[in-house]
PDB file of N, CA and C in Angstrom:
ATOM      1  N   MET A   1     164.682  81.091 121.825  1.00  0.00           N
ATOM      2  CA  MET A   1     163.386  81.573 122.845  1.00  0.00           C
ATOM      3  C   MET A   1     163.701  80.878 124.668  1.00  0.00           C
ATOM      4  N   ARG A   2     163.103  81.604 125.399  1.00  0.00           N
ATOM      5  CA  ARG A   2     162.982  81.369 126.782  1.00  0.00           C
ATOM      6  C   ARG A   2     161.743  81.699 127.556  1.00  0.00           C
ATOM      7  N   ILE A   3     161.058  80.921 127.945  1.00  0.00           N
ATOM      8  CA  ILE A   3     159.449  80.784 128.288  1.00  0.00           C
ATOM      9  C   ILE A   3     159.993  80.724 130.181  1.00  0.00           C
ATOM     10  N   LYS A   4     158.581  81.350 130.735  1.00  0.00           N
ATOM     11  CA  LYS A   4     158.456  81.301 131.533  1.00  0.00           C
ATOM     12  C   LYS A   4     157.277  81.421 132.581  1.00  0.00           C
ATOM     13  N   LEU A   5     156.778  80.198 133.361  1.00  0.00           N
ATOM     14  CA  LEU A   5     155.694  79.998 133.640  1.00  0.00           C
ATOM     15  C   LEU A   5     154.975  79.790 135.085  1.00  0.00           C
ATOM     16  N   ASP A   6     153.857  81.171 135.267  1.00  0.00           N
ATOM     17  CA  ASP A   6     153.637  81.385 136.353  1.00  0.00           C
ATOM     18  C   ASP A   6     152.859  80.734 137.053  1.00  0.00           C
ATOM     19  N   ARG A   7     153.052  79.835 137.930  1.00  0.00           N
ATOM     20  CA  ARG A   7     152.096  78.971 138.762  1.00  0.00           C
ATOM     21  C   ARG A   7     151.638  79.379 139.264  1.00  0.00           C
ATOM     22  N   THR A   8     151.517  80.537 139.945  1.00  0.00           N
ATOM     23  CA  THR A   8     149.941  81.154 140.799  1.00  0.00           C
ATOM     24  C   THR A   8     149.000  81.721 139.866  1.00  0.00           C
ATOM     25  N   VAL A   9     149.158  81.734 138.380  1.00  0.00           N
ATOM     26  CA  VAL A   9     148.291  82.194 137.948  1.00  0.00           C
ATOM     27  C   VAL A   9     147.454  81.071 136.938  1.00  0.00           C
ATOM     28  N   CYS A  10     148.380  80.263 136.887  1.00  0.00           N
ATOM     29  CA  CYS A  10     147.489  79.084 136.092  1.00  0.00           C
ATOM     30  C   CYS A  10     146.277  78.248 137.359  1.00  0.00           C
ATOM     31  N   ASP A  11     145.301  77.990 136.131  1.00  0.00           N
ATOM     32  CA  ASP A  11     144.430  77.794 136.949  1.00  0.00           C
ATOM     33  C   ASP A  11     143.511  76.066 136.112  1.00  0.00           C
ATOM     34  N   GLY A  12     144.884  75.724 135.540  1.00  0.00           N
ATOM     35  CA  GLY A  12     144.361  74.035 135.427  1.00  0.00           C
ATOM     36  C   GLY A  12     143.857  73.751 133.798  1.00  0.00           C
ATOM     37  N   PHE A  13     143.506  74.496 133.048  1.00  0.00           N
ATOM     38  CA  PHE A  13     143.191  74.472 131.761  1.00  0.00           C
ATOM     39  C   PHE A  13     143.778  73.090 130.844  1.00  0.00           C
ATOM     40  N   GLY A  14     145.185  73.128 131.500  1.00  0.00           N
ATOM     41  CA  GLY A  14     145.664  71.910 130.417  1.00  0.00           C
ATOM     42  C   GLY A  14     146.113  71.929 129.121  1.00  0.00           C
ATOM     43  N   PHE A  15     145.955  73.391 128.506  1.00  0.00           N
ATOM     44  CA  PHE A  15     145.988  73.442 127.120  1.00  0.00           C
ATOM     45  C   PHE A  15     147.936  73.440 127.192  1.00  0.00           C
ATOM     46  N   CYS A  16     148.488  74.039 127.542  1.00  0.00           N
ATOM     47  CA  CYS A  16     149.991  74.124 127.575  1.00  0.00           C
ATOM     48  C   CYS A  16     150.514  72.679 127.382  1.00  0.00           C
ATOM     49  N   ALA A  17     149.566  71.982 128.358  1.00  0.00           N
ATOM     50  CA  ALA A  17     150.264  70.160 128.389  1.00  0.00           C
ATOM     51  C   ALA A  17     149.771  69.482 126.848  1.00  0.00           C
ATOM     52  N   LYS A  18     148.675  70.218 126.480  1.00  0.00           N
ATOM     53  CA  LYS A  18     148.073  69.738 124.991  1.00  0.00           C
ATOM     54  C   LYS A  18     149.034  69.910 123.500  1.00  0.00           C
ATOM     55  N   HIS A  19     149.747  71.040 123.629  1.00  0.00           N
ATOM     56  CA  HIS A  19     149.992  71.974 123.095  1.00  0.00           C
ATOM     57  C   HIS A  19     151.665  71.635 122.937  1.00  0.00           C
ATOM     58  N   ALA A  20     152.169  71.375 124.033  1.00  0.00           N
ATOM     59  CA  ALA A  20     153.347  71.357 123.797  1.00  0.00           C
ATOM     60  C   ALA A  20     153.808  70.581 125.301  1.00  0.00           C
ATOM     61  N   PRO A  21     153.608  69.178 125.043  1.00  0.00           N
ATOM     62  CA  PRO A  21     153.659  68.344 126.224  1.00  0.00           C
ATOM     63  C   PRO A  21     155.430  67.680 126.498  1.00  0.00           C
ATOM     64  N   ASP A  22     156.092  68.131 125.527  1.00  0.00           N
ATOM     65  CA  ASP A  22     157.950  68.228 126.130  1.00  0.00           C
ATOM     66  C   ASP A  22     158.027  69.187 127.124  1.00  0.00           C
ATOM     67  N   TYR A  23     156.924  70.277 127.342  1.00  0.00           N
ATOM     68  CA  TYR A  23     157.512  71.394 128.248  1.00  0.00           C
ATOM     69  C   TYR A  23     156.807  71.466 128.947  1.00  0.00           C
ATOM     70  N   PHE A  24     155.535  71.108 129.301  1.00  0.00           N
ATOM     71  CA  PHE A  24     155.023  71.186 130.575  1.00  0.00           C
ATOM     72  C   PHE A  24     154.284  70.174 130.678  1.00  0.00           C
ATOM     73  N   SER A  25     154.277  69.673 131.782  1.00  0.00           N
ATOM     74  CA  SER A  25     153.487  68.424 132.642  1.00  0.00           C
ATOM     75  C   SER A  25     152.112  69.001 133.268  1.00  0.00           C
ATOM     76  N   LEU A  26     151.500  68.306 133.549  1.00  0.00           N
ATOM     77  CA  LEU A  26     150.231  68.797 134.455  1.00  0.00           C
ATOM     78  C   LEU A  26     150.926  67.816 136.004  1.00  0.00           C
ATOM     79  N   ASP A  27     150.531  68.662 136.928  1.00  0.00           N
ATOM     80  CA  ASP A  27     150.228  67.744 138.551  1.00  0.00           C
ATOM     81  C   ASP A  27     149.286  67.257 138.924  1.00  0.00           C
ATOM     82  N   ASP A  28     149.021  66.388 139.761  1.00  0.00           N
ATOM     83  CA  ASP A  28     147.891  65.576 140.343  1.00  0.00           C
ATOM     84  C   ASP A  28     146.739  66.317 140.292  1.00  0.00           C
ATOM     85  N   TRP A  29     146.677  67.485 140.461  1.00  0.00           N
ATOM     86  CA  TRP A  29     145.307  68.922 140.615  1.00  0.00           C
ATOM     87  C   TRP A  29     145.309  69.286 139.721  1.00  0.00           C
ATOM     88  N   GLY A  30     146.459  68.859 138.346  1.00  0.00           N
ATOM     89  CA  GLY A  30     146.013  69.506 136.831  1.00  0.00           C
ATOM     90  C   GLY A  30     146.230  71.196 136.709  1.00  0.00           C
ATOM     91  N   TYR A  31     147.379  71.381 137.586  1.00  0.00           N
ATOM     92  CA  TYR A  31     147.918  73.042 137.110  1.00  0.00           C
ATOM     93  C   TYR A  31     149.154  72.118 136.929  1.00  0.00           C
ATOM     94  N   ALA A  32     149.661  72.824 135.728  1.00  0.00           N
ATOM     95  CA  ALA A  32     150.970  73.000 134.646  1.00  0.00           C
ATOM     96  C   ALA A  32     152.272  73.047 135.425  1.00  0.00           C
ATOM     97  N   SER A  33     152.798  72.614 135.242  1.00  0.00           N
ATOM     98  CA  SER A  33     155.327  72.369 135.685  1.00  0.00           C
ATOM     99  C   SER A  33     155.843  72.699 134.318  1.00  0.00           C
ATOM    100  N   LEU A  34     156.369  73.468 134.670  1.00  0.00           N
ATOM    101  CA  LEU A  34     157.062  73.678 133.433  1.00  0.00           C
ATOM    102  C   LEU A  34     158.301  72.672 133.474  1.00  0.00           C
ATOM    103  N   ALA A  35     159.183  72.013 132.328  1.00  0.00           N
ATOM    104  CA  ALA A  35     159.553  70.806 132.459  1.00  0.00           C
ATOM    105  C   ALA A  35     161.117  71.821 131.884  1.00  0.00           C
ATOM    106  N   GLY A  36     162.247  71.700 132.221  1.00  0.00           N
ATOM    107  CA  GLY A  36     163.124  72.362 132.287  1.00  0.00           C
ATOM    108  C   GLY A  36     163.826  73.773 132.572  1.00  0.00           C
ATOM    109  N   ASP A  37     164.585  74.394 132.181  1.00  0.00           N
ATOM    110  CA  ASP A  37     164.914  75.960 132.653  1.00  0.00           C
ATOM    111  C   ASP A  37     164.027  77.009 131.519  1.00  0.00           C
ATOM    112  N   GLY A  38     162.958  76.224 130.634  1.00  0.00           N
ATOM    113  CA  GLY A  38     162.391  77.521 129.977  1.00  0.00           C
ATOM    114  C   GLY A  38     163.016  77.941 128.560  1.00  0.00           C
ATOM    115  N   SER A  39     164.392  77.275 128.440  1.00  0.00           N
ATOM    116  CA  SER A  39     165.212  77.399 127.062  1.00  0.00           C
ATOM    117  C   SER A  39     163.909  76.516 125.930  1.00  0.00           C
ATOM    118  N   VAL A  40     163.656  76.880 124.710  1.00  0.00           N
ATOM    119  CA  VAL A  40     162.660  76.634 123.782  1.00  0.00           C
ATOM    120  C   VAL A  40     163.938  76.645 122.705  1.00  0.00           C
ATOM    121  N   PRO A  41     164.211  75.239 121.901  1.00  0.00           N
ATOM    122  CA  PRO A  41     164.994  75.685 120.566  1.00  0.00           C
ATOM    123  C   PRO A  41     164.213  75.781 119.542  1.00  0.00           C
ATOM    124  N   GLU A  42     164.615  76.306 118.532  1.00  0.00           N
ATOM    125  CA  GLU A  42     163.511  77.055 117.025  1.00  0.00           C
ATOM    126  C   GLU A  42     162.972  75.666 116.775  1.00  0.00           C
ATOM    127  N   GLN A  43     163.073  74.566 117.023  1.00  0.00           N
ATOM    128  CA  GLN A  43     162.371  73.755 115.953  1.00  0.00           C
ATOM    129  C   GLN A  43     161.192  73.120 116.838  1.00  0.00           C
ATOM    130  N   ASP A  44     161.155  73.968 118.007  1.00  0.00           N
ATOM    131  CA  ASP A  44     160.012  73.590 119.041  1.00  0.00           C
ATOM    132  C   ASP A  44     159.350  74.855 119.564  1.00  0.00           C
ATOM    133  N   ARG A  45     159.692  76.099 118.577  1.00  0.00           N
ATOM    134  CA  ARG A  45     159.039  77.583 118.912  1.00  0.00           C
ATOM    135  C   ARG A  45     157.540  77.344 119.058  1.00  0.00           C
ATOM    136  N   ASP A  46     157.054  76.600 117.677  1.00  0.00           N
ATOM    137  CA  ASP A  46     155.299  77.026 116.965  1.00  0.00           C
ATOM    138  C   ASP A  46     154.513  76.269 118.076  1.00  0.00           C
ATOM    139  N   ALA A  47     155.455  75.193 118.542  1.00  0.00           N
ATOM    140  CA  ALA A  47     154.457  74.441 119.583  1.00  0.00           C
ATOM    141  C   ALA A  47     154.271  75.187 120.930  1.00  0.00           C
ATOM    142  N   VAL A  48     155.558  75.710 121.307  1.00  0.00           N
ATOM    143  CA  VAL A  48     155.253  76.490 122.612  1.00  0.00           C
ATOM    144  C   VAL A  48     154.655  77.643 122.394  1.00  0.00           C
ATOM    145  N   MET A  49     155.192  78.386 121.489  1.00  0.00           N
ATOM    146  CA  MET A  49     154.047  79.266 120.886  1.00  0.00           C
ATOM    147  C   MET A  49     152.222  79.279 121.301  1.00  0.00           C
ATOM    148  N   GLN A  50     152.212  77.824 120.150  1.00  0.00           N
ATOM    149  CA  GLN A  50     150.977  77.652 120.542  1.00  0.00           C
ATOM    150  C   GLN A  50     149.900  77.693 121.893  1.00  0.00           C
ATOM    151  N   ALA A  51     150.915  76.675 123.331  1.00  0.00           N
ATOM    152  CA  ALA A  51     150.676  76.753 123.896  1.00  0.00           C
ATOM    153  C   ALA A  51     150.415  78.067 125.144  1.00  0.00           C
ATOM    154  N   LEU A  52     151.734  79.129 124.494  1.00  0.00           N
ATOM    155  CA  LEU A  52     151.208  80.091 125.226  1.00  0.00           C
ATOM    156  C   LEU A  52     150.089  80.819 124.753  1.00  0.00           C
ATOM    157  N   MET A  53     149.930  81.033 123.250  1.00  0.00           N
ATOM    158  CA  MET A  53     148.768  81.475 122.720  1.00  0.00           C
ATOM    159  C   MET A  53     147.408  80.914 123.439  1.00  0.00           C
ATOM    160  N   TYR A  54     146.980  79.778 123.535  1.00  0.00           N
ATOM    161  CA  TYR A  54     146.044  79.223 124.508  1.00  0.00           C
ATOM    162  C   TYR A  54     145.733  79.388 125.414  1.00  0.00           C
ATOM    163  N   CYS A  55     147.179  79.507 126.318  1.00  0.00           N
ATOM    164  CA  CYS A  55     146.759  79.795 128.119  1.00  0.00           C
ATOM    165  C   CYS A  55     145.319  81.032 128.006  1.00  0.00           C
ATOM    166  N   PRO A  56     144.663  80.687 128.921  1.00  0.00           N
ATOM    167  CA  PRO A  56     143.252  81.689 128.776  1.00  0.00           C
ATOM    168  C   PRO A  56     144.012  82.356 130.167  1.00  0.00           C
ATOM    169  N   VAL A  57     144.563  81.953 131.076  1.00  0.00           N
ATOM    170  CA  VAL A  57     145.085  83.282 131.830  1.00  0.00           C
ATOM    171  C   VAL A  57     146.054  83.872 131.567  1.00  0.00           C
ATOM    172  N   HIS A  58     147.003  83.861 130.538  1.00  0.00           N
ATOM    173  CA  HIS A  58     148.162  84.135 130.144  1.00  0.00           C
ATOM    174  C   HIS A  58     149.560  83.454 131.286  1.00  0.00           C
ATOM    175  N   ALA A  59     149.767  82.333 131.898  1.00  0.00           N
ATOM    176  CA  ALA A  59     150.490  81.476 132.995  1.00  0.00           C
ATOM    177  C   ALA A  59     151.792  81.708 132.433  1.00  0.00           C
ATOM    178  N   ILE A  60     151.672  81.911 130.862  1.00  0.00           N
ATOM    179  CA  ILE A  60     153.237  81.148 130.438  1.00  0.00           C
ATOM    180  C   ILE A  60     153.459  82.477 129.590  1.00  0.00           C
ATOM    181  N   ILE A  61     155.073  83.478 130.094  1.00  0.00           N
ATOM    182  CA  ILE A  61     155.483  84.390 129.085  1.00  0.00           C
ATOM    183  C   ILE A  61     156.842  84.245 128.396  1.00  0.00           C
ATOM    184  N   GLU A  62     156.036  84.983 127.110  1.00  0.00           N
ATOM    185  CA  GLU A  62     157.724  84.774 126.547  1.00  0.00           C
ATOM    186  C   GLU A  62     158.864  85.674 126.899  1.00  0.00           C
ATOM    187  N   LEU A  63     160.236  84.966 127.629  1.00  0.00           N
ATOM    188  CA  LEU A  63     161.279  86.473 128.072  1.00  0.00           C
ATOM    189  C   LEU A  63     162.080  87.162 126.933  1.00  0.00           C
ATOM    190  N   LEU A  64     161.915  87.972 126.497  1.00  0.00           N
ATOM    191  CA  LEU A  64     162.857  88.778 125.506  1.00  0.00           C
ATOM    192  C   LEU A  64     164.173  88.804 126.280  1.00  0.00           C
ATOM    193  N   THR A  65     165.188  88.045 125.728  1.00  0.00           N
ATOM    194  CA  THR A  65     166.929  88.343 126.042  1.00  0.00           C
ATOM    195  C   THR A  65     167.596  89.528 125.896  1.00  0.00           C
ATOM    196  N   GLY A  66     166.768  90.788 125.099  1.00  0.00           N
ATOM    197  CA  GLY A  66     167.704  91.833 124.816  1.00  0.00           C
ATOM    198  C   GLY A  66     167.713  91.961 123.018  1.00  0.00           C
ATOM    199  N   ASP A  67     168.536  90.729 122.415  1.00  0.00           N
ATOM    200  CA  ASP A  67     169.002  90.716 121.472  1.00  0.00           C
ATOM    201  C   ASP A  67     168.139  90.262 120.174  1.00  0.00           C
ATOM    202  N   GLU A  68     166.737  90.159 120.200  1.00  0.00           N
ATOM    203  CA  GLU A  68     165.884  89.763 119.744  1.00  0.00           C
ATOM    204  C   GLU A  68     164.957  90.752 119.591  1.00  0.00           C
ATOM    205  N   PRO A  69     164.254  90.729 118.575  1.00  0.00           N
ATOM    206  CA  PRO A  69     163.047  91.235 118.487  1.00  0.00           C
ATOM    207  C   PRO A  69     161.814  91.480 119.247  1.00  0.00           C
ATOM    208  N   ALA A  70     161.225  92.012 119.736  1.00  0.00           N
ATOM    209  CA  ALA A  70     159.571  91.725 120.523  1.00  0.00           C
ATOM    210  C   ALA A  70     158.838  91.215 119.005  1.00  0.00           C
ATOM    211  N   HIS A  71     158.832  91.413 117.836  1.00  0.00           N
ATOM    212  CA  HIS A  71     157.938  91.490 117.105  1.00  0.00           C
ATOM    213  C   HIS A  71     158.952  90.843 115.625  1.00  0.00           C
ATOM    214  N   PRO A  72     158.563  90.093 115.161  1.00  0.00           N
ATOM    215  CA  PRO A  72     159.467  89.733 113.845  1.00  0.00           C
ATOM    216  C   PRO A  72     159.685  90.866 112.506  1.00  0.00           C
ATOM    217  N   ASP A  73     159.009  91.689 112.478  1.00  0.00           N
ATOM    218  CA  ASP A  73     159.068  92.683 111.745  1.00  0.00           C
ATOM    219  C   ASP A  73     160.311  93.910 112.257  1.00  0.00           C
ATOM    220  N   GLU A  74     160.573  93.916 113.564  1.00  0.00           N
ATOM    221  CA  GLU A  74     161.258  95.495 114.118  1.00  0.00           C
ATOM    222  C   GLU A  74     162.768  94.382 113.552  1.00  0.00           C
ATOM    223  N   PRO A  75     163.718  95.486 113.693  1.00  0.00           N
ATOM    224  CA  PRO A  75     165.077  95.001 113.434  1.00  0.00           C
ATOM    225  C   PRO A  75     165.754  94.916 115.424  1.00  0.00           C
ATOM    226  N   PRO A  76     166.474  93.751 115.348  1.00  0.00           N
ATOM    227  CA  PRO A  76     166.697  93.761 116.698  1.00  0.00           C
ATOM    228  C   PRO A  76     167.359  94.638 117.540  1.00  0.00           C
ATOM    229  N   ARG A  77     167.381  94.825 118.654  1.00  0.00           N
ATOM    230  CA  ARG A  77     167.256  96.195 119.755  1.00  0.00           C
ATOM    231  C   ARG A  77     169.109  95.956 119.934  1.00  0.00           C
ATOM    232  N   SER A  78     169.348  96.905 120.257  1.00  0.00           N
ATOM    233  CA  SER A  78     171.578  96.924 120.395  1.00  0.00           C
ATOM    234  C   SER A  78     171.101  97.498 122.072  1.00  0.00           C
ATOM    235  N   ALA A  79     171.872  97.147 122.897  1.00  0.00           N
ATOM    236  CA  ALA A  79     171.850  97.519 124.228  1.00  0.00           C
ATOM    237  C   ALA A  79     172.835  98.491 124.362  1.00  0.00           C
ATOM    238  N   ASP A  80     173.470  99.260 123.520  1.00  0.00           N
ATOM    239  CA  ASP A  80     174.292 100.699 123.649  1.00  0.00           C
ATOM    240  C   ASP A  80     173.609 101.354 122.905  1.00  0.00           C
ATOM    241  N   VAL A  81     172.370 101.513 122.404  1.00  0.00           N
ATOM    242  CA  VAL A  81     171.951 102.615 121.930  1.00  0.00           C
ATOM    243  C   VAL A  81     170.876 102.968 122.637  1.00  0.00           C
ATOM    244  N   PRO A  82     171.463 104.361 122.786  1.00  0.00           N
ATOM    245  CA  PRO A  82     170.695 105.072 124.103  1.00  0.00           C
ATOM    246  C   PRO A  82     169.013 105.499 123.996  1.00  0.00           C
ATOM    247  N   PRO A  83     168.007 105.601 124.972  1.00  0.00           N
ATOM    248  CA  PRO A  83     166.443 105.485 124.586  1.00  0.00           C
ATOM    249  C   PRO A  83     166.338 107.029 123.832  1.00  0.00           C
ATOM    250  N   GLU A  84     165.325 107.650 123.357  1.00  0.00           N
ATOM    251  CA  GLU A  84     164.967 108.723 123.091  1.00  0.00           C
ATOM    252  C   GLU A  84     164.908 109.426 123.655  1.00  0.00           C
ATOM    253  N   PRO A  85     165.757 110.716 123.713  1.00  0.00           N
ATOM    254  CA  PRO A  85     165.554 111.897 124.829  1.00  0.00           C
ATOM    255  C   PRO A  85     164.123 111.968 125.774  1.00  0.00           C
ATOM    256  N   ASP A  86     163.246 112.068 124.552  1.00  0.00           N
ATOM    257  CA  ASP A  86     161.483 112.888 125.134  1.00  0.00           C
ATOM    258  C   ASP A  86     160.638 111.381 125.677  1.00  0.00           C
ATOM    259  N   LEU A  87     161.484 110.346 125.560  1.00  0.00           N
ATOM    260  CA  LEU A  87     161.311 109.144 125.988  1.00  0.00           C
ATOM    261  C   LEU A  87     160.778 108.793 127.744  1.00  0.00           C
ATOM    262  N   LYS A  88     158.932 108.461 128.291  1.00  0.00           N
ATOM    263  CA  LYS A  88     159.300 108.715 129.425  1.00  0.00           C
ATOM    264  C   LYS A  88     159.306 106.707 130.473  1.00  0.00           C
ATOM    265  N   ILE A  89     160.813 107.331 130.957  1.00  0.00           N
ATOM    266  CA  ILE A  89     160.754 105.769 131.770  1.00  0.00           C
ATOM    267  C   ILE A  89     161.256 106.396 133.088  1.00  0.00           C
ATOM    268  N   GLU A  90     161.309 105.342 133.711  1.00  0.00           N
ATOM    269  CA  GLU A  90     161.447 105.535 135.545  1.00  0.00           C
ATOM    270  C   GLU A  90     162.376 106.410 135.682  1.00  0.00           C
ATOM    271  N   GLU A  91     163.676 106.352 135.105  1.00  0.00           N
ATOM    272  CA  GLU A  91     164.806 107.231 135.409  1.00  0.00           C
ATOM    273  C   GLU A  91     164.160 108.638 135.392  1.00  0.00           C
ATOM    274  N   ASN A  92     163.585 108.498 134.881  1.00  0.00           N
ATOM    275  CA  ASN A  92     163.447 110.702 134.616  1.00  0.00           C
ATOM    276  C   ASN A  92     161.709 110.916 134.683  1.00  0.00           C
ATOM    277  N   GLU A  93     161.418 109.832 135.380  1.00  0.00           N
ATOM    278  CA  GLU A  93     159.905 110.266 135.893  1.00  0.00           C
ATOM    279  C   GLU A  93     159.058 110.909 136.363  1.00  0.00           C
ATOM    280  N   ALA A  94     160.340 111.819 137.450  1.00  0.00           N
ATOM    281  CA  ALA A  94     160.253 113.052 137.789  1.00  0.00           C
ATOM    282  C   ALA A  94     159.862 114.407 137.093  1.00  0.00           C
ATOM    283  N   GLU A  95     160.645 114.513 136.354  1.00  0.00           N
ATOM    284  CA  GLU A  95     160.515 115.238 135.154  1.00  0.00           C
ATOM    285  C   GLU A  95     159.624 115.436 134.429  1.00  0.00           C
ATOM    286  N   TRP A  96     158.423 114.225 134.229  1.00  0.00           N
ATOM    287  CA  TRP A  96     157.236 114.268 133.631  1.00  0.00           C
ATOM    288  C   TRP A  96     156.343 113.840 134.248  1.00  0.00           C
ATOM    289  N   GLY A  97     156.464 113.907 135.694  1.00  0.00           N
ATOM    290  CA  GLY A  97     155.124 114.139 136.488  1.00  0.00           C
ATOM    291  C   GLY A  97     154.302 112.426 136.621  1.00  0.00           C
ATOM    292  N   PHE A  98     155.356 111.579 136.781  1.00  0.00           N
ATOM    293  CA  PHE A  98     154.809 110.044 136.937  1.00  0.00           C
ATOM    294  C   PHE A  98     154.611 109.954 138.571  1.00  0.00           C
ATOM    295  N   THR A  99     153.530 109.450 138.936  1.00  0.00           N
ATOM    296  CA  THR A  99     152.875 109.486 140.384  1.00  0.00           C
ATOM    297  C   THR A  99     152.850 107.398 140.441  1.00  0.00           C
ATOM    298  N   ARG A 100     153.101 106.925 141.578  1.00  0.00           N
ATOM    299  CA  ARG A 100     152.568 106.035 141.762  1.00  0.00           C
ATOM    300  C   ARG A 100     151.436 105.765 142.343  1.00  0.00           C
TER     301      ARG A 100
END
């Protein structure tokens, strides 16, 4: 599991440091800092997920690497599987009238 902390979103509630103090610390003003590179071993996953879930401003993001399922019940994703032909994605946005 890999995580990312968006410090621009953090409002300094401190729930992350409370639930996962090995991964989050608070600076002098109470805003969170991520310790390390965001890699979380399996044995610490529950504590970090608690920090992620309790963050009221959603400043902590779980990064998906592409080989793990987005949901535990999903089968692992494969990079060599082409997308569904009718799937609306950026590459075919002109075909389905997407405007920004």
